[in-house]
Amino acid sequence: MLILPVRTVILYLLVVLVIRIMGKHQIGQLQPFELVITIMISELAAVPMQDTDIPLLHGIIPILTLLLVQVSLSLLSLKNEAARKIICGSPSILIDKGRINQNELTRLRYNISDLLEQLRLKDIPNIADVEYAILETSGKLSIIPKSQKRPVNPRDLQLNPPYEGLPSTLIVDGVLKVKNLSRLNLSQDWLLEELKKFGLQTWEQVFLASIDSSGSLYLQPKSPKGSD
């Protein structure tokens, strides 16, 4: 009775490891060859899980082979431009300088309704506001609005805002992030003094505390037990 759960756990851990090695791409960002390999790996893992008569190695070896194929193709596409075009394809310009490329839409079997839907999803309801629309090799649509339709940024207003770095978490659910504190050259005594300003005595009482590049501390205490 324990054989099936053990085989399942082994294959699950193997697939998780393989996916981690393949990279941190989201499903919508996978190249075609990566998507095919991902689907095949899931199928190969499912068969030995369901049929205990199939040796476990008959599932593990093909999965590791596909991993080797994926890594090899990724390295090849990384090093060779021609190979990258063959393996991954090339981006397609659907809107070029404000004009819809009808021939490209026909070639890709990409209808105008799909194009308008993707523009709306990008918060661009009017196609007349688009300078370029590029269908990437992953299948996602990149939109470049016309210059007069782009959001205003500080440079347009001749402003020079201060630098904003990535905030660092100091406490998460009552657990002190010692490495982050040391990296910022901050002491635990300093943090305890800051907590006292919020009426707290220990970091176990803190749900989240983070500090930004300007030194401003964000802190949210834990909610009392039983409260919403």
Protein backbone atom coordinates (compact mmCIF):
# COMPACT_ATOMS: atom_id res chain seq x y z
CA MET A 1 0.00 0.00 0.00
CA LEU A 2 2.90 2.35 0.64
CA ILE A 3 4.48 1.81 -2.79
CA LEU A 4 2.08 4.12 -4.65
CA PRO A 5 2.41 7.09 -2.23
CA VAL A 6 6.20 6.74 -2.15
CA ARG A 7 6.43 6.64 -5.96
CA THR A 8 4.14 9.65 -6.13
CA VAL A 9 6.27 11.66 -3.69
CA ILE A 10 9.49 10.74 -5.53
CA LEU A 11 8.09 11.77 -8.92
CA TYR A 12 6.57 14.94 -7.47
CA LEU A 13 9.88 16.02 -5.96
CA LEU A 14 11.67 15.17 -9.20
CA VAL A 15 9.26 17.24 -11.32
CA VAL A 16 9.53 20.19 -8.90
CA LEU A 17 13.33 19.98 -9.10
CA VAL A 18 13.25 19.79 -12.89
CA ILE A 19 10.91 22.78 -13.17
CA ARG A 20 13.15 24.77 -10.81
CA ILE A 21 16.20 23.95 -12.94
CA MET A 22 14.32 24.94 -16.10
CA GLY A 23 13.88 28.47 -14.74
CA LYS A 24 11.39 30.82 -13.13
CA HIS A 25 9.23 31.48 -16.16
CA GLN A 26 5.50 31.79 -15.77
CA ILE A 27 3.35 29.58 -18.01
CA GLY A 28 2.43 32.54 -20.20
CA GLN A 29 6.10 33.41 -20.68
CA LEU A 30 7.29 29.97 -21.78
CA GLN A 31 8.77 29.59 -25.23
CA PRO A 32 7.01 26.96 -27.41
CA PHE A 33 9.73 24.34 -26.88
CA GLU A 34 9.65 24.96 -23.10
CA LEU A 35 5.86 24.54 -23.01
CA VAL A 36 6.06 21.27 -24.98
CA ILE A 37 8.72 19.89 -22.64
CA THR A 38 6.71 20.95 -19.56
CA ILE A 39 3.61 19.15 -20.85
CA MET A 40 5.60 16.03 -21.71
CA ILE A 41 7.23 15.97 -18.27
CA SER A 42 3.83 16.11 -16.56
CA GLU A 43 2.58 13.23 -18.72
CA LEU A 44 5.69 11.13 -18.10
CA ALA A 45 5.37 11.65 -14.35
CA ALA A 46 1.69 10.71 -14.32
CA VAL A 47 2.11 7.28 -15.93
CA PRO A 48 4.37 5.66 -13.27
CA MET A 49 2.20 7.21 -10.55
CA GLN A 50 -0.89 5.40 -11.83
CA ASP A 51 0.65 2.08 -12.85
CA THR A 52 2.92 0.43 -10.30
CA ASP A 53 3.80 -2.28 -12.83
CA ILE A 54 5.90 0.28 -14.71
CA PRO A 55 9.41 0.56 -13.21
CA LEU A 56 10.02 3.92 -11.59
CA LEU A 57 13.16 4.42 -13.69
CA HIS A 58 11.01 4.30 -16.83
CA GLY A 59 9.53 7.60 -15.69
CA ILE A 60 12.64 9.16 -14.16
CA ILE A 61 15.01 8.60 -17.11
CA PRO A 62 12.74 10.24 -19.76
CA ILE A 63 12.11 13.21 -17.45
CA LEU A 64 15.84 13.74 -16.91
CA THR A 65 16.38 13.34 -20.68
CA LEU A 66 13.85 16.07 -21.39
CA LEU A 67 15.56 18.27 -18.80
CA LEU A 68 18.84 17.77 -20.64
CA VAL A 69 17.15 18.64 -23.95
CA GLN A 70 15.61 21.79 -22.46
CA VAL A 71 18.86 22.99 -20.92
CA SER A 72 20.75 22.27 -24.16
CA LEU A 73 18.24 24.16 -26.30
CA SER A 74 18.24 27.08 -23.85
CA LEU A 75 22.03 27.32 -23.93
CA LEU A 76 22.06 27.02 -27.72
CA SER A 77 19.47 29.79 -28.12
CA LEU A 78 21.44 31.92 -25.65
CA LYS A 79 24.71 31.61 -27.57
CA ASN A 80 23.51 31.54 -31.18
CA GLU A 81 21.22 34.15 -32.76
CA ALA A 82 20.29 31.98 -35.74
CA ALA A 83 19.44 29.04 -33.48
CA ARG A 84 17.35 31.33 -31.27
CA LYS A 85 15.23 32.37 -34.26
CA ILE A 86 14.70 28.74 -35.28
CA ILE A 87 13.93 27.49 -31.75
CA CYS A 88 12.00 30.44 -30.32
CA GLY A 89 10.87 32.31 -33.44
CA SER A 90 10.88 36.09 -33.86
CA PRO A 91 8.59 38.83 -32.54
CA SER A 92 5.89 40.00 -34.95
CA ILE A 93 4.88 43.63 -35.36
CA LEU A 94 1.08 43.82 -35.51
CA ILE A 95 0.81 47.60 -35.37
CA ASP A 96 3.62 49.54 -37.04
CA LYS A 97 3.75 53.33 -36.66
CA GLY A 98 0.05 53.45 -35.87
CA ARG A 99 -1.06 51.25 -38.79
CA ILE A 100 -2.37 47.70 -38.40
CA ASN A 101 -0.23 45.15 -40.25
CA GLN A 102 -3.02 43.18 -41.89
CA ASN A 103 -0.71 40.71 -43.64
CA GLU A 104 0.95 39.81 -40.35
CA LEU A 105 -2.43 39.32 -38.65
CA THR A 106 -3.45 36.96 -41.46
CA ARG A 107 -0.17 35.03 -41.33
CA LEU A 108 -0.45 34.53 -37.58
CA ARG A 109 -4.22 33.85 -37.72
CA TYR A 110 -4.61 36.63 -35.16
CA ASN A 111 -7.96 38.35 -35.67
CA ILE A 112 -8.70 41.99 -35.02
CA SER A 113 -11.05 41.16 -32.12
CA ASP A 114 -8.21 39.43 -30.28
CA LEU A 115 -5.98 42.43 -30.91
CA LEU A 116 -8.57 44.87 -29.55
CA GLU A 117 -9.14 42.65 -26.51
CA GLN A 118 -5.41 42.59 -25.71
CA LEU A 119 -5.25 46.37 -26.04
CA ARG A 120 -8.13 46.75 -23.59
CA LEU A 121 -6.37 44.43 -21.15
CA LYS A 122 -3.41 46.81 -21.36
CA ASP A 123 -5.75 49.74 -20.48
CA ILE A 124 -5.69 51.08 -24.04
CA PRO A 125 -9.32 51.19 -25.27
CA ASN A 126 -8.52 53.24 -28.39
CA ILE A 127 -6.34 51.59 -31.02
CA ALA A 128 -5.57 55.06 -32.41
CA ASP A 129 -3.37 55.65 -29.33
CA VAL A 130 -0.97 52.83 -30.25
CA GLU A 131 2.31 53.44 -32.06
CA TYR A 132 3.56 49.84 -31.98
CA ALA A 133 2.05 46.50 -30.95
CA ILE A 134 4.49 43.57 -30.94
CA LEU A 135 3.51 39.94 -30.49
CA GLU A 136 6.41 38.43 -28.56
CA THR A 137 7.68 34.89 -29.01
CA SER A 138 6.02 33.92 -25.70
CA GLY A 139 2.61 34.92 -27.12
CA LYS A 140 2.30 38.10 -25.03
CA LEU A 141 1.50 41.41 -26.69
CA SER A 142 3.78 44.38 -25.98
CA ILE A 143 2.24 47.81 -26.46
CA ILE A 144 4.09 51.07 -27.12
CA PRO A 145 1.64 54.02 -27.03
CA LYS A 146 2.09 57.13 -29.13
CA SER A 147 4.31 59.70 -27.44
CA GLN A 148 1.46 62.13 -26.78
CA LYS A 149 -0.59 59.34 -25.19
CA ARG A 150 2.03 58.02 -22.77
CA PRO A 151 1.70 58.73 -19.04
CA VAL A 152 3.50 61.84 -17.81
CA ASN A 153 6.73 61.07 -15.92
CA PRO A 154 8.88 63.33 -13.70
CA ARG A 155 11.34 64.02 -16.53
CA ASP A 156 8.51 65.45 -18.66
CA LEU A 157 7.82 67.92 -15.85
CA GLN A 158 11.55 68.60 -15.35
CA LEU A 159 11.41 67.14 -11.86
CA ASN A 160 14.16 65.22 -10.13
CA PRO A 161 12.55 63.02 -7.45
CA PRO A 162 14.77 61.32 -4.86
CA TYR A 163 15.97 57.78 -5.45
CA GLU A 164 13.59 55.07 -4.30
CA GLY A 165 15.22 51.72 -3.65
CA LEU A 166 13.59 48.42 -2.81
CA PRO A 167 12.20 48.31 0.74
CA SER A 168 13.72 45.69 3.04
CA THR A 169 11.62 43.52 5.32
CA LEU A 170 12.79 43.46 8.92
CA ILE A 171 10.08 41.38 10.58
CA VAL A 172 7.65 38.92 8.99
CA ASP A 173 4.97 37.32 11.16
CA GLY A 174 6.99 37.81 14.34
CA VAL A 175 10.26 36.50 12.86
CA LEU A 176 13.24 38.86 12.78
CA LYS A 177 15.17 39.02 9.49
CA VAL A 178 18.65 39.26 10.99
CA LYS A 179 20.46 39.27 7.63
CA ASN A 180 18.45 42.23 6.35
CA LEU A 181 19.06 44.11 9.58
CA SER A 182 22.83 43.51 9.35
CA ARG A 183 22.94 44.45 5.66
CA LEU A 184 21.42 47.82 6.52
CA ASN A 185 23.85 48.31 9.44
CA LEU A 186 20.95 48.45 11.89
CA SER A 187 20.99 46.92 15.36
CA GLN A 188 18.36 44.93 17.18
CA ASP A 189 18.43 47.52 19.97
CA TRP A 190 17.51 50.22 17.44
CA LEU A 191 14.64 48.14 16.18
CA LEU A 192 13.33 47.50 19.69
CA GLU A 193 13.40 51.23 20.38
CA GLU A 194 11.38 51.83 17.21
CA LEU A 195 8.86 49.18 18.24
CA LYS A 196 8.35 50.91 21.58
CA LYS A 197 7.20 54.02 19.70
CA PHE A 198 4.31 51.88 18.43
CA GLY A 199 3.59 50.52 21.90
CA LEU A 200 5.20 47.14 21.20
CA GLN A 201 7.81 45.36 23.31
CA THR A 202 9.06 42.52 21.11
CA TRP A 203 9.11 41.69 17.40
CA GLU A 204 6.93 38.65 18.11
CA GLN A 205 4.08 41.17 18.32
CA VAL A 206 4.74 42.43 14.78
CA PHE A 207 3.04 41.04 11.69
CA LEU A 208 5.15 43.01 9.19
CA ALA A 209 7.87 45.64 9.47
CA SER A 210 9.84 47.04 6.56
CA ILE A 211 12.07 50.03 5.91
CA ASP A 212 12.51 51.97 2.67
CA SER A 213 15.57 53.69 1.22
CA SER A 214 14.69 56.96 2.96
CA GLY A 215 14.69 55.27 6.39
CA SER A 216 10.92 55.35 6.87
CA LEU A 217 9.69 52.39 8.90
CA TYR A 218 6.42 50.67 8.01
CA LEU A 219 4.97 48.54 10.80
CA GLN A 220 1.79 46.56 11.30
CA PRO A 221 1.19 44.76 14.60
CA LYS A 222 -0.36 41.33 14.75
CA SER A 223 -4.12 41.29 15.15
CA PRO A 224 -5.38 40.06 18.51
CA LYS A 225 -6.43 36.41 18.45
CA GLY A 226 -10.09 35.97 17.66
CA SER A 227 -10.43 39.31 15.88
CA ASP A 228 -11.02 39.78 12.14
